[in-house]
C-alpha atoms as a PDB file:
ATOM      1  CA  MET A   1      -0.109   0.079   0.033  1.00  0.00           C
ATOM      2  CA  GLN A   2       1.370   3.229  -1.125  1.00  0.00           C
ATOM      3  CA  LEU A   3       1.114   6.180   1.592  1.00  0.00           C
ATOM      4  CA  LYS A   4       1.529   9.738   1.228  1.00  0.00           C
ATOM      5  CA  THR A   5       0.695  12.861   3.312  1.00  0.00           C
ATOM      6  CA  LEU A   6      -1.490  15.924   2.225  1.00  0.00           C
ATOM      7  CA  THR A   7      -2.362  19.243   3.651  1.00  0.00           C
ATOM      8  CA  LEU A   8      -5.713  20.688   3.024  1.00  0.00           C
ATOM      9  CA  THR A   9      -7.604  23.804   4.006  1.00  0.00           C
ATOM     10  CA  ARG A  10     -11.015  25.044   3.849  1.00  0.00           C
ATOM     11  CA  HIS A  11     -10.316  27.233   0.733  1.00  0.00           C
ATOM     12  CA  ALA A  12      -9.690  24.007  -1.172  1.00  0.00           C
ATOM     13  CA  PHE A  13     -12.632  22.031  -0.011  1.00  0.00           C
ATOM     14  CA  GLY A  14     -14.691  22.484  -3.276  1.00  0.00           C
ATOM     15  CA  ARG A  15     -11.978  21.108  -5.423  1.00  0.00           C
ATOM     16  CA  HIS A  16     -11.257  18.075  -3.277  1.00  0.00           C
ATOM     17  CA  VAL A  17     -14.720  17.008  -2.098  1.00  0.00           C
ATOM     18  CA  ASP A  18     -13.893  13.369  -2.128  1.00  0.00           C
ATOM     19  CA  LEU A  19     -10.938  13.939   0.488  1.00  0.00           C
ATOM     20  CA  VAL A  20     -13.113  16.157   2.527  1.00  0.00           C
ATOM     21  CA  ALA A  21     -15.859  13.398   2.713  1.00  0.00           C
ATOM     22  CA  GLY A  22     -13.186  10.758   3.184  1.00  0.00           C
ATOM     23  CA  MET A  23     -11.748  12.435   6.282  1.00  0.00           C
ATOM     24  CA  HIS A  24     -15.215  13.027   7.876  1.00  0.00           C
ATOM     25  CA  ARG A  25     -16.220   9.463   7.233  1.00  0.00           C
ATOM     26  CA  LEU A  26     -12.812   8.155   8.741  1.00  0.00           C
ATOM     27  CA  ARG A  27     -13.607  10.280  11.906  1.00  0.00           C
ATOM     28  CA  GLY A  28     -17.040   8.823  12.076  1.00  0.00           C
ATOM     29  CA  ARG A  29     -15.780   5.236  11.925  1.00  0.00           C
ATOM     30  CA  VAL A  30     -13.010   5.804  14.375  1.00  0.00           C
ATOM     31  CA  PHE A  31     -14.660   8.359  17.025  1.00  0.00           C
ATOM     32  CA  LYS A  32     -18.266   6.875  16.939  1.00  0.00           C
ATOM     33  CA  GLY A  33     -17.955   3.500  15.488  1.00  0.00           C
ATOM     34  CA  ARG A  34     -14.785   2.442  17.260  1.00  0.00           C
ATOM     35  CA  LEU A  35     -14.408   4.431  20.101  1.00  0.00           C
ATOM     36  CA  ASP A  36     -18.189   5.188  20.876  1.00  0.00           C
ATOM     37  CA  TRP A  37     -17.349   8.921  21.920  1.00  0.00           C
ATOM     38  CA  ASP A  38     -20.007  11.512  22.430  1.00  0.00           C
ATOM     39  CA  VAL A  39     -19.759  12.936  19.013  1.00  0.00           C
ATOM     40  CA  THR A  40     -22.076  14.266  16.449  1.00  0.00           C
ATOM     41  CA  VAL A  41     -22.479  12.053  13.249  1.00  0.00           C
ATOM     42  CA  SER A  42     -24.468  12.999  10.140  1.00  0.00           C
ATOM     43  CA  GLY A  43     -24.972  10.266   7.958  1.00  0.00           C
ATOM     44  CA  ASP A  44     -21.504   8.489   8.329  1.00  0.00           C
ATOM     45  CA  MET A  45     -19.738  11.638   8.675  1.00  0.00           C
ATOM     46  CA  GLU A  46     -18.300  13.039  12.153  1.00  0.00           C
ATOM     47  CA  ILE A  47     -18.387  16.911  11.995  1.00  0.00           C
ATOM     48  CA  ASP A  48     -18.154  19.529  14.838  1.00  0.00           C
ATOM     49  CA  SER A  49     -18.050  23.147  15.315  1.00  0.00           C
ATOM     50  CA  PHE A  50     -14.453  23.563  15.181  1.00  0.00           C
ATOM     51  CA  ASP A  51     -14.686  22.472  11.423  1.00  0.00           C
ATOM     52  CA  ALA A  52     -16.003  25.860  10.715  1.00  0.00           C
ATOM     53  CA  GLU A  53     -13.027  27.594  12.193  1.00  0.00           C
ATOM     54  CA  ASP A  54      -9.669  28.433  10.574  1.00  0.00           C
ATOM     55  CA  ALA A  55      -8.438  24.639  10.360  1.00  0.00           C
ATOM     56  CA  THR A  56      -5.742  22.895   8.645  1.00  0.00           C
ATOM     57  CA  TYR A  57      -6.225  19.254   8.065  1.00  0.00           C
ATOM     58  CA  LEU A  58      -3.249  16.781   7.525  1.00  0.00           C
ATOM     59  CA  LEU A  59      -4.237  13.565   5.690  1.00  0.00           C
ATOM     60  CA  VAL A  60      -2.646  10.213   5.040  1.00  0.00           C
ATOM     61  CA  VAL A  61      -4.154   8.673   1.776  1.00  0.00           C
ATOM     62  CA  ALA A  62      -3.416   5.359   0.493  1.00  0.00           C
ATOM     63  CA  ASP A  63      -3.413   4.198  -3.237  1.00  0.00           C
ATOM     64  CA  GLY A  64      -4.189   7.741  -4.633  1.00  0.00           C
ATOM     65  CA  ARG A  65      -7.182   9.358  -2.825  1.00  0.00           C
ATOM     66  CA  GLU A  66      -8.432   7.005   0.058  1.00  0.00           C
ATOM     67  CA  VAL A  67      -8.027   8.828   3.471  1.00  0.00           C
ATOM     68  CA  VAL A  68      -6.679   6.327   6.110  1.00  0.00           C
ATOM     69  CA  GLY A  69      -5.212   9.002   8.452  1.00  0.00           C
ATOM     70  CA  HIS A  70      -6.282  12.544   9.612  1.00  0.00           C
ATOM     71  CA  VAL A  71      -5.476  15.241  12.134  1.00  0.00           C
ATOM     72  CA  ARG A  72      -6.903  18.830  12.461  1.00  0.00           C
ATOM     73  CA  LEU A  73      -4.587  21.771  13.446  1.00  0.00           C
ATOM     74  CA  LEU A  74      -6.289  24.843  14.924  1.00  0.00           C
ATOM     75  CA  PRO A  75      -4.447  27.973  16.215  1.00  0.00           C
ATOM     76  CA  THR A  76      -4.596  28.522  19.968  1.00  0.00           C
ATOM     77  CA  LEU A  77      -5.526  32.182  19.464  1.00  0.00           C
ATOM     78  CA  GLY A  78      -8.988  31.278  18.356  1.00  0.00           C
ATOM     79  CA  PRO A  79     -11.646  28.692  19.233  1.00  0.00           C
ATOM     80  CA  ASN A  80     -10.034  25.242  19.944  1.00  0.00           C
ATOM     81  CA  MET A  81     -11.199  22.061  21.777  1.00  0.00           C
ATOM     82  CA  LEU A  82      -8.744  22.432  24.774  1.00  0.00           C
ATOM     83  CA  ALA A  83      -9.882  26.139  25.527  1.00  0.00           C
ATOM     84  CA  ASP A  84     -13.445  25.653  24.685  1.00  0.00           C
ATOM     85  CA  THR A  85     -14.240  22.082  25.329  1.00  0.00           C
ATOM     86  CA  PHE A  86     -11.777  20.454  27.777  1.00  0.00           C
ATOM     87  CA  PRO A  87     -10.245  23.308  29.806  1.00  0.00           C
ATOM     88  CA  PHE A  88     -10.944  21.406  33.078  1.00  0.00           C
ATOM     89  CA  LEU A  89      -7.934  18.936  31.856  1.00  0.00           C
ATOM     90  CA  VAL A  90      -5.574  21.813  32.563  1.00  0.00           C
ATOM     91  CA  ALA A  91      -4.569  21.704  36.466  1.00  0.00           C
ATOM     92  CA  ASP A  92      -3.611  25.395  36.700  1.00  0.00           C
ATOM     93  CA  GLY A  93      -6.368  26.731  34.517  1.00  0.00           C
ATOM     94  CA  GLU A  94      -3.765  28.158  32.203  1.00  0.00           C
ATOM     95  CA  VAL A  95      -5.027  26.825  28.932  1.00  0.00           C
ATOM     96  CA  PRO A  96      -2.119  27.517  26.138  1.00  0.00           C
ATOM     97  CA  CYS A  97      -2.761  30.544  23.895  1.00  0.00           C
ATOM     98  CA  SER A  98       0.069  31.861  21.982  1.00  0.00           C
ATOM     99  CA  PRO A  99       0.713  32.433  18.072  1.00  0.00           C
ATOM    100  CA  GLU A 100       3.426  29.924  18.423  1.00  0.00           C
ATOM    101  CA  ILE A 101       1.294  27.276  19.806  1.00  0.00           C
ATOM    102  CA  VAL A 102      -0.953  25.161  17.568  1.00  0.00           C
ATOM    103  CA  GLU A 103      -3.648  22.686  18.804  1.00  0.00           C
ATOM    104  CA  SER A 104      -4.226  19.227  17.134  1.00  0.00           C
ATOM    105  CA  SER A 105      -7.259  17.358  17.427  1.00  0.00           C
ATOM    106  CA  ARG A 106      -9.287  14.531  15.858  1.00  0.00           C
ATOM    107  CA  PHE A 107      -6.109  12.454  15.290  1.00  0.00           C
ATOM    108  CA  CYS A 108      -7.043   9.084  13.806  1.00  0.00           C
ATOM    109  CA  VAL A 109      -5.884   6.270  11.652  1.00  0.00           C
ATOM    110  CA  ASP A 110      -7.889   3.579  10.063  1.00  0.00           C
ATOM    111  CA  THR A 111      -6.260   0.520  11.785  1.00  0.00           C
ATOM    112  CA  SER A 112      -8.163  -2.049   9.753  1.00  0.00           C
ATOM    113  CA  ARG A 113      -6.661  -0.730   6.447  1.00  0.00           C
ATOM    114  CA  VAL A 114      -3.189   0.178   7.518  1.00  0.00           C
ATOM    115  CA  THR A 115      -1.380  -2.621   9.235  1.00  0.00           C
ATOM    116  CA  ASP A 116       2.281  -2.022   8.644  1.00  0.00           C
ATOM    117  CA  VAL A 117       4.481  -0.705  11.350  1.00  0.00           C
ATOM    118  CA  THR A 118       7.695   1.032  11.602  1.00  0.00           C
ATOM    119  CA  GLY A 119      10.773   0.088  13.830  1.00  0.00           C
ATOM    120  CA  SER A 120       9.358   1.500  16.830  1.00  0.00           C
ATOM    121  CA  GLY A 121       6.235  -0.425  16.519  1.00  0.00           C
ATOM    122  CA  THR A 122       3.936   2.305  15.709  1.00  0.00           C
ATOM    123  CA  ARG A 123       1.874   1.993  12.584  1.00  0.00           C
ATOM    124  CA  ARG A 124       3.348   3.790   9.573  1.00  0.00           C
ATOM    125  CA  ALA A 125       0.329   5.970   8.959  1.00  0.00           C
ATOM    126  CA  THR A 126       0.603   7.362  12.449  1.00  0.00           C
ATOM    127  CA  THR A 127       4.308   8.079  12.320  1.00  0.00           C
ATOM    128  CA  LEU A 128       3.590   9.837   8.735  1.00  0.00           C
ATOM    129  CA  LEU A 129       1.043  12.029  10.518  1.00  0.00           C
ATOM    130  CA  PHE A 130       3.519  12.792  13.415  1.00  0.00           C
ATOM    131  CA  ALA A 131       6.086  13.667  10.768  1.00  0.00           C
ATOM    132  CA  GLY A 132       3.503  15.834   8.702  1.00  0.00           C
ATOM    133  CA  ILE A 133       2.565  17.676  12.134  1.00  0.00           C
ATOM    134  CA  LEU A 134       6.208  18.515  12.886  1.00  0.00           C
ATOM    135  CA  GLU A 135       6.985  19.713   9.303  1.00  0.00           C
ATOM    136  CA  TRP A 136       3.934  21.815   9.047  1.00  0.00           C
ATOM    137  CA  CYS A 137       4.707  23.427  12.603  1.00  0.00           C
ATOM    138  CA  LEU A 138       8.386  24.167  11.551  1.00  0.00           C
ATOM    139  CA  VAL A 139       7.350  25.806   8.393  1.00  0.00           C
ATOM    140  CA  HIS A 140       4.837  27.897   9.903  1.00  0.00           C
ATOM    141  CA  GLY A 141       6.775  29.021  13.215  1.00  0.00           C
ATOM    142  CA  GLN A 142       5.111  26.904  15.732  1.00  0.00           C
ATOM    143  CA  HIS A 143       7.322  25.739  18.644  1.00  0.00           C
ATOM    144  CA  THR A 144       4.767  23.664  20.738  1.00  0.00           C
ATOM    145  CA  LEU A 145       1.705  21.384  19.885  1.00  0.00           C
ATOM    146  CA  ALA A 146      -1.176  21.377  22.370  1.00  0.00           C
ATOM    147  CA  THR A 147      -3.456  18.291  22.368  1.00  0.00           C
ATOM    148  CA  VAL A 148      -6.042  16.385  24.211  1.00  0.00           C
ATOM    149  CA  THR A 149      -5.460  12.819  23.781  1.00  0.00           C
ATOM    150  CA  ASP A 150      -6.132   9.428  25.740  1.00  0.00           C
ATOM    151  CA  THR A 151      -3.528   7.532  27.759  1.00  0.00           C
ATOM    152  CA  ARG A 152      -3.147   5.049  24.971  1.00  0.00           C
ATOM    153  CA  MET A 153      -2.034   7.463  22.420  1.00  0.00           C
ATOM    154  CA  GLU A 154       0.011   9.102  25.200  1.00  0.00           C
ATOM    155  CA  ARG A 155       1.870   5.654  25.449  1.00  0.00           C
ATOM    156  CA  ILE A 156       2.287   5.622  21.690  1.00  0.00           C
ATOM    157  CA  LEU A 157       4.015   8.971  21.762  1.00  0.00           C
ATOM    158  CA  ARG A 158       6.291   7.978  24.392  1.00  0.00           C
ATOM    159  CA  ARG A 159       7.347   4.811  22.713  1.00  0.00           C
ATOM    160  CA  SER A 160       7.854   6.971  19.586  1.00  0.00           C
ATOM    161  CA  GLY A 161      10.244   9.297  21.270  1.00  0.00           C
ATOM    162  CA  TRP A 162       7.783  12.186  21.692  1.00  0.00           C
ATOM    163  CA  PRO A 163       6.762  12.298  25.275  1.00  0.00           C
ATOM    164  CA  LEU A 164       3.780  14.383  26.238  1.00  0.00           C
ATOM    165  CA  GLN A 165       4.300  17.025  28.851  1.00  0.00           C
ATOM    166  CA  ARG A 166       1.071  16.620  30.824  1.00  0.00           C
ATOM    167  CA  LEU A 167      -1.158  19.735  31.760  1.00  0.00           C
ATOM    168  CA  GLY A 168      -2.963  17.656  34.306  1.00  0.00           C
ATOM    169  CA  ALA A 169      -4.026  14.407  35.568  1.00  0.00           C
ATOM    170  CA  PRO A 170      -5.974  11.978  33.201  1.00  0.00           C
ATOM    171  CA  ARG A 171      -9.637  12.368  33.641  1.00  0.00           C
ATOM    172  CA  ARG A 172     -12.289   9.752  32.627  1.00  0.00           C
ATOM    173  CA  ILE A 173     -14.487  10.965  29.708  1.00  0.00           C
ATOM    174  CA  GLY A 174     -16.958   8.119  28.658  1.00  0.00           C
ATOM    175  CA  ALA A 175     -14.825   5.194  28.046  1.00  0.00           C
ATOM    176  CA  THR A 176     -11.494   6.978  27.687  1.00  0.00           C
ATOM    177  CA  ASP A 177      -8.983   8.272  30.126  1.00  0.00           C
ATOM    178  CA  ALA A 178      -8.362  11.698  28.491  1.00  0.00           C
ATOM    179  CA  VAL A 179      -5.243  13.876  29.270  1.00  0.00           C
ATOM    180  CA  ALA A 180      -4.228  17.270  27.983  1.00  0.00           C
ATOM    181  CA  GLY A 181      -0.416  18.139  27.299  1.00  0.00           C
ATOM    182  CA  LEU A 182       2.168  19.808  25.266  1.00  0.00           C
ATOM    183  CA  LEU A 183       4.460  18.362  22.679  1.00  0.00           C
ATOM    184  CA  PRO A 184       7.877  20.049  21.569  1.00  0.00           C
ATOM    185  CA  ILE A 185       8.401  20.810  18.014  1.00  0.00           C
ATOM    186  CA  THR A 186      11.814  20.122  16.988  1.00  0.00           C
ATOM    187  CA  GLN A 187      13.820  19.354  13.877  1.00  0.00           C
ATOM    188  CA  GLY A 188      15.327  16.196  15.777  1.00  0.00           C
ATOM    189  CA  HIS A 189      11.927  14.806  16.267  1.00  0.00           C
ATOM    190  CA  LEU A 190      11.167  15.304  12.611  1.00  0.00           C
ATOM    191  CA  SER A 191      14.302  13.734  11.276  1.00  0.00           C
ATOM    192  CA  THR A 192      13.481  10.393  13.598  1.00  0.00           C
ATOM    193  CA  PHE A 193       9.970  10.348  12.093  1.00  0.00           C
ATOM    194  CA  ARG A 194      11.288  10.782   8.515  1.00  0.00           C
ATOM    195  CA  GLU A 195      13.971   8.070   8.934  1.00  0.00           C
ATOM    196  CA  GLU A 196      11.112   5.792  10.210  1.00  0.00           C
ATOM    197  CA  THR A 197       9.048   6.298   7.146  1.00  0.00           C
ATOM    198  CA  ARG A 198      11.762   6.894   4.535  1.00  0.00           C
ATOM    199  CA  GLU A 199      10.314   4.331   2.256  1.00  0.00           C
ATOM    200  CA  ALA A 200       6.788   6.156   2.380  1.00  0.00           C
ATOM    201  CA  ILE A 201       8.178   9.655   1.937  1.00  0.00           C
ATOM    202  CA  ARG A 202       9.969  10.569  -1.177  1.00  0.00           C
ATOM    203  CA  PRO A 203      12.941  12.903  -0.241  1.00  0.00           C
ATOM    204  CA  ALA A 204      11.878  15.190  -2.833  1.00  0.00           C
ATOM    205  CA  ALA A 205       8.167  15.399  -1.833  1.00  0.00           C
ATOM    206  CA  ARG A 206       8.104  17.770   1.179  1.00  0.00           C
ATOM    207  CA  HIS A 207       5.091  18.757   2.941  1.00  0.00           C
ATOM    208  CA  ALA A 208       4.732  22.166   1.023  1.00  0.00           C
ATOM    209  CA  SER A 209       4.927  20.596  -2.420  1.00  0.00           C
ATOM    210  CA  LEU A 210       1.913  18.456  -1.566  1.00  0.00           C
ATOM    211  CA  LYS A 211      -0.278  21.216  -0.419  1.00  0.00           C
ATOM    212  CA  LEU A 212      -3.698  21.200  -1.565  1.00  0.00           C
ATOM    213  CA  ALA A 213      -4.873  24.782  -0.374  1.00  0.00           C
ATOM    214  CA  ALA A 214      -5.543  27.591  -2.758  1.00  0.00           C
END
């Protein structure tokens, strides 16, 4: 299976309707179907209010146009999930808010379709998303990633050499132990993830060259 990363912004939605539908269907399968989170699904697509904001979407696509991985990036200066939905996960109440901090949310991979793993034992699509996040952040002057995740993903991040700096203790939300935290954005982490996925990322095909935004 051939995998590659793409970036997508709302300005390009009209020209890439298949990718937009694919990413929302993937979110529906993962967050409602597999994890049974309290999310809104219309038909088979998961969409929330933050999709109306100034978001950037990083996608992993397989064999051309099938979306098998997704993460959404939102500036912390505007509405975002940590500040507006999960502020209680931050122990001191100081929710990250900076032009140099971006939030990631709705991180998901279709584990039924993508089964190959890297040397660290992480699925290649997951590592591609990690690399895509780091590259996008470095290009756009972001030094820190804020996120709300679960303790399972926290373990994957630690095993991959990208440990989460917790902002508070985990809290039970539905069937998930959720935790908020920060991840440093460094060239070293990007180099590690690129090396792990070198067979899937062509050296000449950097993130900016795959951009689908207008």
